[in-house]
Amino acid sequence: MAKVSRIITIVLRLAAAAAAAAAAIIMVTSHETTSFFGLEMEAKYSYTPSFIFFVVALAVAAAYSLLVILVRPGSTAGRLVLMSDVIIGMVLTGAVAATGAIAEVGRNGNTHAGWLPICVQVHAYCNQVMGALIAGFVALIVYFLIIMYSLHEMVEPLCSCH
């Protein structure tokens, strides 16, 4: 049973790493230049602090997911992994939420603040940001599954239900 548990954990961590890395790569490669009323306008992820936070958070999550595969379950470090997973999950939640909020403003603007939508001018850039956001959300969901599975694995030996 321990071998099956280890395989499930490895598969979940590889899926989380793949989704997080894909989100970071998609966001880093997002840029578009367009002309608007004769002015050159360039849209890049590095112009928005929340997008930079998104890239850094997802890159860290991808690297962490791959490194944690090397930790032996049941060891002292293995118990610390659950706490680290929760922290990574919280950071990913913040990154996806911040990026989603900025993407919403970019797509629809904000009439109360007088902000115009920019996605009309840089449609490909906005689609790429949306793709990165979707991949980041998938990574977040997989991290939630990792945390739930790790909690189950930690509590199951304590339960006398079986």
N, C-alpha and C. Protein backbone atom coordinates (compact mmCIF):
# COMPACT_ATOMS: atom_id res chain seq x y z
N MET A 1 0.82 -1.20 0.00
CA MET A 1 0.00 0.00 0.00
C MET A 1 0.86 1.26 0.00
N ALA A 2 2.01 1.18 0.65
CA ALA A 2 2.91 2.34 0.71
C ALA A 2 3.43 2.69 -0.69
N LYS A 3 3.63 1.66 -1.52
CA LYS A 3 4.14 1.90 -2.86
C LYS A 3 3.09 2.64 -3.71
N VAL A 4 1.84 2.25 -3.58
CA VAL A 4 0.76 2.92 -4.32
C VAL A 4 0.64 4.37 -3.86
N SER A 5 0.73 4.59 -2.56
CA SER A 5 0.67 5.94 -2.01
C SER A 5 1.80 6.79 -2.56
N ARG A 6 2.97 6.24 -2.63
CA ARG A 6 4.15 6.97 -3.14
C ARG A 6 3.96 7.31 -4.63
N ILE A 7 3.41 6.38 -5.38
CA ILE A 7 3.19 6.63 -6.82
C ILE A 7 2.16 7.74 -7.01
N ILE A 8 1.08 7.70 -6.22
CA ILE A 8 0.06 8.75 -6.31
C ILE A 8 0.67 10.11 -5.98
N THR A 9 1.48 10.15 -4.94
CA THR A 9 2.12 11.40 -4.54
C THR A 9 3.04 11.92 -5.65
N ILE A 10 3.81 11.04 -6.23
CA ILE A 10 4.73 11.45 -7.31
C ILE A 10 3.96 11.97 -8.51
N VAL A 11 2.90 11.28 -8.89
CA VAL A 11 2.09 11.70 -10.04
C VAL A 11 1.47 13.08 -9.78
N LEU A 12 0.92 13.27 -8.59
CA LEU A 12 0.34 14.58 -8.26
C LEU A 12 1.38 15.68 -8.28
N ARG A 13 2.55 15.41 -7.73
CA ARG A 13 3.61 16.43 -7.70
C ARG A 13 4.13 16.74 -9.10
N LEU A 14 4.25 15.73 -9.94
CA LEU A 14 4.67 15.97 -11.33
C LEU A 14 3.62 16.78 -12.08
N ALA A 15 2.35 16.48 -11.83
CA ALA A 15 1.27 17.25 -12.47
C ALA A 15 1.30 18.70 -12.00
N ALA A 16 1.51 18.91 -10.71
CA ALA A 16 1.58 20.27 -10.17
C ALA A 16 2.78 21.02 -10.76
N ALA A 17 3.91 20.34 -10.85
CA ALA A 17 5.11 20.98 -11.41
C ALA A 17 4.90 21.32 -12.88
N ALA A 18 4.29 20.42 -13.63
CA ALA A 18 4.05 20.68 -15.05
C ALA A 18 3.09 21.85 -15.26
N ALA A 19 2.01 21.88 -14.50
CA ALA A 19 1.04 22.97 -14.64
C ALA A 19 1.65 24.30 -14.22
N ALA A 20 2.40 24.31 -13.13
CA ALA A 20 3.02 25.54 -12.64
C ALA A 20 4.08 26.03 -13.62
N ALA A 21 4.90 25.13 -14.12
CA ALA A 21 5.93 25.53 -15.09
C ALA A 21 5.29 26.04 -16.38
N ALA A 22 4.24 25.37 -16.83
CA ALA A 22 3.55 25.82 -18.05
C ALA A 22 2.98 27.22 -17.85
N ALA A 23 2.37 27.47 -16.69
CA ALA A 23 1.80 28.80 -16.42
C ALA A 23 2.89 29.86 -16.42
N ALA A 24 4.00 29.58 -15.78
CA ALA A 24 5.10 30.55 -15.72
C ALA A 24 5.67 30.81 -17.11
N ILE A 25 5.87 29.77 -17.89
CA ILE A 25 6.43 29.92 -19.24
C ILE A 25 5.47 30.68 -20.15
N ILE A 26 4.19 30.35 -20.07
CA ILE A 26 3.20 31.05 -20.90
C ILE A 26 3.19 32.53 -20.56
N MET A 27 3.23 32.84 -19.27
CA MET A 27 3.20 34.25 -18.86
C MET A 27 4.47 34.99 -19.28
N VAL A 28 5.63 34.35 -19.12
CA VAL A 28 6.89 35.01 -19.48
C VAL A 28 6.96 35.29 -20.97
N THR A 29 6.38 34.45 -21.77
CA THR A 29 6.44 34.64 -23.23
C THR A 29 5.32 35.54 -23.75
N SER A 30 4.48 36.06 -22.85
CA SER A 30 3.37 36.90 -23.31
C SER A 30 3.84 38.34 -23.53
N HIS A 31 3.73 38.77 -24.75
CA HIS A 31 4.01 40.16 -25.11
C HIS A 31 3.41 40.44 -26.48
N GLU A 32 3.05 41.67 -26.68
CA GLU A 32 2.49 42.08 -27.96
C GLU A 32 2.70 43.58 -28.11
N THR A 33 2.99 43.99 -29.32
CA THR A 33 3.14 45.40 -29.64
C THR A 33 2.07 45.77 -30.66
N THR A 34 1.43 46.88 -30.42
CA THR A 34 0.38 47.32 -31.33
C THR A 34 0.45 48.84 -31.48
N SER A 35 -0.19 49.33 -32.49
CA SER A 35 -0.26 50.78 -32.71
C SER A 35 -1.67 51.24 -32.37
N PHE A 36 -1.75 52.27 -31.55
CA PHE A 36 -3.03 52.80 -31.09
C PHE A 36 -3.03 54.31 -31.31
N PHE A 37 -3.85 54.78 -32.26
CA PHE A 37 -3.89 56.19 -32.63
C PHE A 37 -2.50 56.72 -32.96
N GLY A 38 -1.72 55.90 -33.69
CA GLY A 38 -0.38 56.31 -34.10
C GLY A 38 0.69 56.14 -33.03
N LEU A 39 0.34 55.69 -31.86
CA LEU A 39 1.31 55.46 -30.80
C LEU A 39 1.60 53.98 -30.67
N GLU A 40 2.88 53.66 -30.51
CA GLU A 40 3.26 52.27 -30.28
C GLU A 40 2.95 51.90 -28.84
N MET A 41 2.25 50.81 -28.66
CA MET A 41 1.93 50.34 -27.31
C MET A 41 2.43 48.90 -27.19
N GLU A 42 3.19 48.65 -26.13
CA GLU A 42 3.73 47.31 -25.91
C GLU A 42 3.15 46.77 -24.60
N ALA A 43 2.68 45.54 -24.65
CA ALA A 43 2.16 44.88 -23.46
C ALA A 43 3.09 43.71 -23.15
N LYS A 44 3.64 43.71 -21.93
CA LYS A 44 4.52 42.63 -21.47
C LYS A 44 4.14 42.30 -20.04
N TYR A 45 4.37 41.05 -19.66
CA TYR A 45 4.06 40.63 -18.29
C TYR A 45 4.87 41.42 -17.28
N SER A 46 6.09 41.80 -17.63
CA SER A 46 6.99 42.46 -16.67
C SER A 46 6.57 43.89 -16.36
N TYR A 47 5.56 44.42 -17.03
CA TYR A 47 5.07 45.76 -16.74
C TYR A 47 4.06 45.77 -15.59
N THR A 48 3.64 44.60 -15.14
CA THR A 48 2.62 44.50 -14.10
C THR A 48 3.17 43.72 -12.91
N PRO A 49 3.25 44.33 -11.74
CA PRO A 49 3.82 43.65 -10.57
C PRO A 49 3.10 42.34 -10.21
N SER A 50 1.79 42.29 -10.36
CA SER A 50 1.09 41.05 -10.01
C SER A 50 1.43 39.93 -10.99
N PHE A 51 1.72 40.25 -12.23
CA PHE A 51 2.13 39.23 -13.19
C PHE A 51 3.53 38.71 -12.86
N ILE A 52 4.41 39.61 -12.40
CA ILE A 52 5.75 39.19 -11.97
C ILE A 52 5.64 38.27 -10.76
N PHE A 53 4.78 38.62 -9.80
CA PHE A 53 4.54 37.78 -8.64
C PHE A 53 4.02 36.41 -9.07
N PHE A 54 3.12 36.39 -10.04
CA PHE A 54 2.58 35.15 -10.58
C PHE A 54 3.68 34.26 -11.13
N VAL A 55 4.56 34.84 -11.93
CA VAL A 55 5.65 34.07 -12.55
C VAL A 55 6.59 33.51 -11.47
N VAL A 56 6.98 34.35 -10.53
CA VAL A 56 7.89 33.91 -9.48
C VAL A 56 7.25 32.82 -8.62
N ALA A 57 6.00 33.03 -8.22
CA ALA A 57 5.31 32.06 -7.38
C ALA A 57 5.16 30.72 -8.07
N LEU A 58 4.80 30.74 -9.34
CA LEU A 58 4.62 29.47 -10.05
C LEU A 58 5.94 28.80 -10.37
N ALA A 59 6.98 29.57 -10.62
CA ALA A 59 8.30 28.97 -10.84
C ALA A 59 8.82 28.31 -9.57
N VAL A 60 8.62 28.98 -8.43
CA VAL A 60 9.02 28.40 -7.14
C VAL A 60 8.21 27.14 -6.87
N ALA A 61 6.92 27.17 -7.13
CA ALA A 61 6.07 26.00 -6.91
C ALA A 61 6.50 24.83 -7.78
N ALA A 62 6.86 25.10 -9.01
CA ALA A 62 7.31 24.03 -9.91
C ALA A 62 8.61 23.41 -9.41
N ALA A 63 9.57 24.25 -9.04
CA ALA A 63 10.85 23.74 -8.54
C ALA A 63 10.65 22.98 -7.23
N TYR A 64 9.84 23.53 -6.34
CA TYR A 64 9.56 22.88 -5.05
C TYR A 64 8.92 21.51 -5.27
N SER A 65 7.97 21.43 -6.19
CA SER A 65 7.28 20.15 -6.45
C SER A 65 8.26 19.07 -6.89
N LEU A 66 9.21 19.46 -7.70
CA LEU A 66 10.20 18.48 -8.17
C LEU A 66 11.18 18.09 -7.07
N LEU A 67 11.57 19.05 -6.24
CA LEU A 67 12.51 18.75 -5.15
C LEU A 67 11.88 17.87 -4.07
N VAL A 68 10.62 18.08 -3.79
CA VAL A 68 9.94 17.34 -2.73
C VAL A 68 9.78 15.87 -3.09
N ILE A 69 9.81 15.55 -4.35
CA ILE A 69 9.73 14.14 -4.76
C ILE A 69 10.88 13.34 -4.15
N LEU A 70 12.01 14.00 -3.91
CA LEU A 70 13.18 13.31 -3.36
C LEU A 70 13.08 13.03 -1.86
N VAL A 71 12.15 13.68 -1.17
CA VAL A 71 12.01 13.50 0.28
C VAL A 71 11.33 12.16 0.56
N ARG A 72 11.92 11.41 1.49
CA ARG A 72 11.38 10.11 1.82
C ARG A 72 10.14 10.28 2.72
N PRO A 73 9.03 9.62 2.38
CA PRO A 73 7.85 9.73 3.21
C PRO A 73 8.08 9.12 4.59
N GLY A 74 7.49 9.71 5.60
CA GLY A 74 7.63 9.20 6.96
C GLY A 74 8.82 9.76 7.70
N SER A 75 9.72 10.43 7.01
CA SER A 75 10.88 11.02 7.66
C SER A 75 10.48 12.34 8.33
N THR A 76 11.39 12.90 9.10
CA THR A 76 11.13 14.18 9.74
C THR A 76 10.88 15.26 8.69
N ALA A 77 11.66 15.24 7.64
CA ALA A 77 11.48 16.19 6.55
C ALA A 77 10.13 15.98 5.87
N GLY A 78 9.68 14.73 5.83
CA GLY A 78 8.38 14.42 5.23
C GLY A 78 7.23 15.10 5.94
N ARG A 79 7.34 15.26 7.25
CA ARG A 79 6.30 15.95 8.02
C ARG A 79 6.33 17.46 7.75
N LEU A 80 7.52 17.99 7.51
CA LEU A 80 7.63 19.41 7.19
C LEU A 80 7.10 19.73 5.79
N VAL A 81 7.09 18.72 4.95
CA VAL A 81 6.61 18.91 3.58
C VAL A 81 5.15 19.33 3.57
N LEU A 82 4.34 18.75 4.44
CA LEU A 82 2.93 19.12 4.49
C LEU A 82 2.76 20.60 4.82
N MET A 83 3.52 21.09 5.78
CA MET A 83 3.45 22.52 6.11
C MET A 83 3.92 23.37 4.93
N SER A 84 4.96 22.94 4.27
CA SER A 84 5.46 23.67 3.10
C SER A 84 4.44 23.64 1.96
N ASP A 85 3.76 22.51 1.81
CA ASP A 85 2.71 22.42 0.78
C ASP A 85 1.60 23.43 1.04
N VAL A 86 1.22 23.58 2.29
CA VAL A 86 0.17 24.55 2.64
C VAL A 86 0.65 25.97 2.32
N ILE A 87 1.89 26.27 2.63
CA ILE A 87 2.43 27.61 2.34
C ILE A 87 2.46 27.86 0.84
N ILE A 88 2.94 26.88 0.09
CA ILE A 88 2.97 27.02 -1.37
C ILE A 88 1.55 27.19 -1.91
N GLY A 89 0.60 26.44 -1.37
CA GLY A 89 -0.79 26.57 -1.78
C GLY A 89 -1.34 27.97 -1.52
N MET A 90 -0.99 28.54 -0.37
CA MET A 90 -1.45 29.90 -0.06
C MET A 90 -0.81 30.92 -1.01
N VAL A 91 0.47 30.76 -1.29
CA VAL A 91 1.16 31.68 -2.21
C VAL A 91 0.54 31.57 -3.61
N LEU A 92 0.27 30.35 -4.05
CA LEU A 92 -0.36 30.17 -5.36
C LEU A 92 -1.75 30.79 -5.40
N THR A 93 -2.49 30.67 -4.30
CA THR A 93 -3.82 31.27 -4.25
C THR A 93 -3.72 32.79 -4.41
N GLY A 94 -2.77 33.40 -3.72
CA GLY A 94 -2.58 34.84 -3.85
C GLY A 94 -2.15 35.24 -5.25
N ALA A 95 -1.26 34.47 -5.84
CA ALA A 95 -0.76 34.79 -7.18
C ALA A 95 -1.87 34.68 -8.23
N VAL A 96 -2.64 33.60 -8.16
CA VAL A 96 -3.73 33.41 -9.13
C VAL A 96 -4.81 34.47 -8.92
N ALA A 97 -5.12 34.80 -7.68
CA ALA A 97 -6.14 35.81 -7.41
C ALA A 97 -5.70 37.19 -7.90
N ALA A 98 -4.47 37.57 -7.61
CA ALA A 98 -3.98 38.88 -8.05
C ALA A 98 -3.93 38.98 -9.57
N THR A 99 -3.47 37.92 -10.20
CA THR A 99 -3.40 37.92 -11.65
C THR A 99 -4.79 37.92 -12.27
N GLY A 100 -5.71 37.18 -11.66
CA GLY A 100 -7.08 37.18 -12.15
C GLY A 100 -7.73 38.54 -12.06
N ALA A 101 -7.47 39.26 -10.98
CA ALA A 101 -8.04 40.59 -10.81
C ALA A 101 -7.50 41.56 -11.87
N ILE A 102 -6.21 41.52 -12.10
CA ILE A 102 -5.62 42.41 -13.11
C ILE A 102 -6.09 42.02 -14.51
N ALA A 103 -6.20 40.73 -14.77
CA ALA A 103 -6.69 40.27 -16.08
C ALA A 103 -8.13 40.73 -16.31
N GLU A 104 -8.94 40.72 -15.26
CA GLU A 104 -10.32 41.19 -15.37
C GLU A 104 -10.36 42.67 -15.73
N VAL A 105 -9.54 43.45 -15.09
CA VAL A 105 -9.49 44.89 -15.39
C VAL A 105 -8.98 45.10 -16.82
N GLY A 106 -7.99 44.31 -17.22
CA GLY A 106 -7.48 44.45 -18.59
C GLY A 106 -8.52 44.07 -19.63
N ARG A 107 -9.33 43.09 -19.33
CA ARG A 107 -10.33 42.63 -20.29
C ARG A 107 -11.55 43.56 -20.33
N ASN A 108 -12.05 43.98 -19.16
CA ASN A 108 -13.30 44.74 -19.12
C ASN A 108 -13.15 46.19 -18.68
N GLY A 109 -11.97 46.55 -18.19
CA GLY A 109 -11.78 47.91 -17.70
C GLY A 109 -12.53 48.11 -16.39
N ASN A 110 -12.60 49.36 -15.94
CA ASN A 110 -13.35 49.72 -14.75
C ASN A 110 -13.91 51.12 -14.98
N THR A 111 -15.20 51.18 -15.27
CA THR A 111 -15.81 52.47 -15.59
C THR A 111 -15.81 53.42 -14.41
N HIS A 112 -15.90 52.91 -13.19
CA HIS A 112 -15.90 53.77 -12.01
C HIS A 112 -14.55 54.46 -11.81
N ALA A 113 -13.48 53.77 -12.14
CA ALA A 113 -12.14 54.35 -11.99
C ALA A 113 -11.67 55.03 -13.27
N GLY A 114 -12.42 54.86 -14.35
CA GLY A 114 -12.04 55.47 -15.62
C GLY A 114 -10.98 54.67 -16.37
N TRP A 115 -10.82 53.39 -16.05
CA TRP A 115 -9.84 52.55 -16.73
C TRP A 115 -10.49 51.88 -17.92
N LEU A 116 -9.88 52.04 -19.06
CA LEU A 116 -10.39 51.43 -20.28
C LEU A 116 -9.83 50.03 -20.44
N PRO A 117 -10.59 49.14 -21.07
CA PRO A 117 -10.06 47.80 -21.34
C PRO A 117 -8.95 47.87 -22.39
N ILE A 118 -7.90 47.08 -22.20
CA ILE A 118 -6.80 47.09 -23.17
C ILE A 118 -6.82 45.87 -24.08
N CYS A 119 -7.65 44.89 -23.76
CA CYS A 119 -7.64 43.65 -24.54
C CYS A 119 -8.16 43.83 -25.96
N VAL A 120 -8.84 44.93 -26.22
CA VAL A 120 -9.28 45.22 -27.58
C VAL A 120 -8.07 45.50 -28.47
N GLN A 121 -7.05 46.15 -27.89
CA GLN A 121 -5.86 46.51 -28.66
C GLN A 121 -4.82 45.38 -28.68
N VAL A 122 -4.70 44.62 -27.62
CA VAL A 122 -3.67 43.57 -27.53
C VAL A 122 -4.35 42.22 -27.23
N HIS A 123 -5.13 41.79 -28.18
CA HIS A 123 -5.95 40.59 -28.02
C HIS A 123 -5.11 39.33 -27.79
N ALA A 124 -4.05 39.15 -28.55
CA ALA A 124 -3.20 37.95 -28.40
C ALA A 124 -2.53 37.91 -27.03
N TYR A 125 -2.09 39.06 -26.55
CA TYR A 125 -1.47 39.15 -25.23
C TYR A 125 -2.47 38.74 -24.15
N CYS A 126 -3.66 39.25 -24.23
CA CYS A 126 -4.69 38.92 -23.24
C CYS A 126 -5.05 37.43 -23.28
N ASN A 127 -5.10 36.87 -24.46
CA ASN A 127 -5.38 35.43 -24.56
C ASN A 127 -4.26 34.61 -23.94
N GLN A 128 -3.03 35.04 -24.13
CA GLN A 128 -1.90 34.33 -23.54
C GLN A 128 -1.90 34.45 -22.02
N VAL A 129 -2.24 35.62 -21.50
CA VAL A 129 -2.35 35.81 -20.05
C VAL A 129 -3.47 34.92 -19.51
N MET A 130 -4.58 34.82 -20.23
CA MET A 130 -5.68 33.96 -19.79
C MET A 130 -5.24 32.50 -19.79
N GLY A 131 -4.46 32.08 -20.77
CA GLY A 131 -3.94 30.71 -20.78
C GLY A 131 -3.03 30.44 -19.59
N ALA A 132 -2.19 31.41 -19.26
CA ALA A 132 -1.32 31.27 -18.08
C ALA A 132 -2.14 31.21 -16.81
N LEU A 133 -3.19 32.00 -16.75
CA LEU A 133 -4.06 32.00 -15.58
C LEU A 133 -4.78 30.66 -15.43
N ILE A 134 -5.22 30.09 -16.51
CA ILE A 134 -5.88 28.77 -16.46
C ILE A 134 -4.90 27.71 -16.00
N ALA A 135 -3.68 27.72 -16.54
CA ALA A 135 -2.67 26.75 -16.11
C ALA A 135 -2.31 26.94 -14.64
N GLY A 136 -2.25 28.19 -14.20
CA GLY A 136 -1.98 28.47 -12.78
C GLY A 136 -3.10 27.97 -11.89
N PHE A 137 -4.34 28.10 -12.34
CA PHE A 137 -5.47 27.60 -11.58
C PHE A 137 -5.45 26.07 -11.50
N VAL A 138 -5.03 25.43 -12.58
CA VAL A 138 -4.89 23.96 -12.56
C VAL A 138 -3.82 23.56 -11.55
N ALA A 139 -2.70 24.28 -11.54
CA ALA A 139 -1.64 24.00 -10.55
C ALA A 139 -2.17 24.18 -9.13
N LEU A 140 -2.97 25.20 -8.91
CA LEU A 140 -3.56 25.44 -7.60
C LEU A 140 -4.49 24.30 -7.19
N ILE A 141 -5.29 23.82 -8.10
CA ILE A 141 -6.20 22.70 -7.80
C ILE A 141 -5.40 21.44 -7.49
N VAL A 142 -4.35 21.19 -8.25
CA VAL A 142 -3.52 20.00 -7.99
C VAL A 142 -2.85 20.13 -6.62
N TYR A 143 -2.42 21.33 -6.25
CA TYR A 143 -1.84 21.52 -4.92
C TYR A 143 -2.87 21.27 -3.83
N PHE A 144 -4.10 21.67 -4.06
CA PHE A 144 -5.16 21.37 -3.11
C PHE A 144 -5.31 19.86 -2.95
N LEU A 145 -5.27 19.13 -4.06
CA LEU A 145 -5.36 17.66 -4.01
C LEU A 145 -4.17 17.06 -3.27
N ILE A 146 -2.99 17.62 -3.49
CA ILE A 146 -1.79 17.14 -2.79
C ILE A 146 -1.96 17.32 -1.28
N ILE A 147 -2.43 18.49 -0.88
CA ILE A 147 -2.61 18.77 0.55
C ILE A 147 -3.65 17.82 1.15
N MET A 148 -4.76 17.64 0.46
CA MET A 148 -5.81 16.75 0.97
C MET A 148 -5.30 15.30 1.06
N TYR A 149 -4.57 14.86 0.05
CA TYR A 149 -4.05 13.50 0.07
C TYR A 149 -3.00 13.33 1.17
N SER A 150 -2.15 14.32 1.34
CA SER A 150 -1.13 14.25 2.40
C SER A 150 -1.78 14.22 3.78
N LEU A 151 -2.82 15.01 3.97
CA LEU A 151 -3.55 14.99 5.25
C LEU A 151 -4.18 13.62 5.48
N HIS A 152 -4.75 13.06 4.43
CA HIS A 152 -5.35 11.73 4.54
C HIS A 152 -4.31 10.69 4.92
N GLU A 153 -3.16 10.76 4.29
CA GLU A 153 -2.09 9.81 4.58
C GLU A 153 -1.55 9.96 6.00
N MET A 154 -1.56 11.19 6.51
CA MET A 154 -1.04 11.43 7.85
C MET A 154 -2.05 11.01 8.92
N VAL A 155 -3.33 11.20 8.65
CA VAL A 155 -4.35 10.92 9.66
C VAL A 155 -4.78 9.46 9.63
N GLU A 156 -4.70 8.79 8.50
CA GLU A 156 -5.19 7.41 8.38
C GLU A 156 -4.59 6.45 9.41
N PRO A 157 -3.28 6.48 9.68
CA PRO A 157 -2.76 5.56 10.69
C PRO A 157 -3.27 5.86 12.11
N LEU A 158 -3.72 7.07 12.36
CA LEU A 158 -4.23 7.44 13.68
C LEU A 158 -5.67 7.01 13.88
N CYS A 159 -6.38 6.80 12.78
CA CYS A 159 -7.81 6.46 12.84
C CYS A 159 -7.97 4.96 13.05
N SER A 160 -8.80 4.57 13.98
CA SER A 160 -9.07 3.14 14.21
C SER A 160 -10.38 2.75 13.55
N CYS A 161 -10.69 3.39 12.44
CA CYS A 161 -11.96 3.15 11.74
C CYS A 161 -11.96 1.83 10.98
N HIS A 162 -10.80 1.33 10.61
CA HIS A 162 -10.75 0.14 9.75
C HIS A 162 -10.60 -1.10 10.55
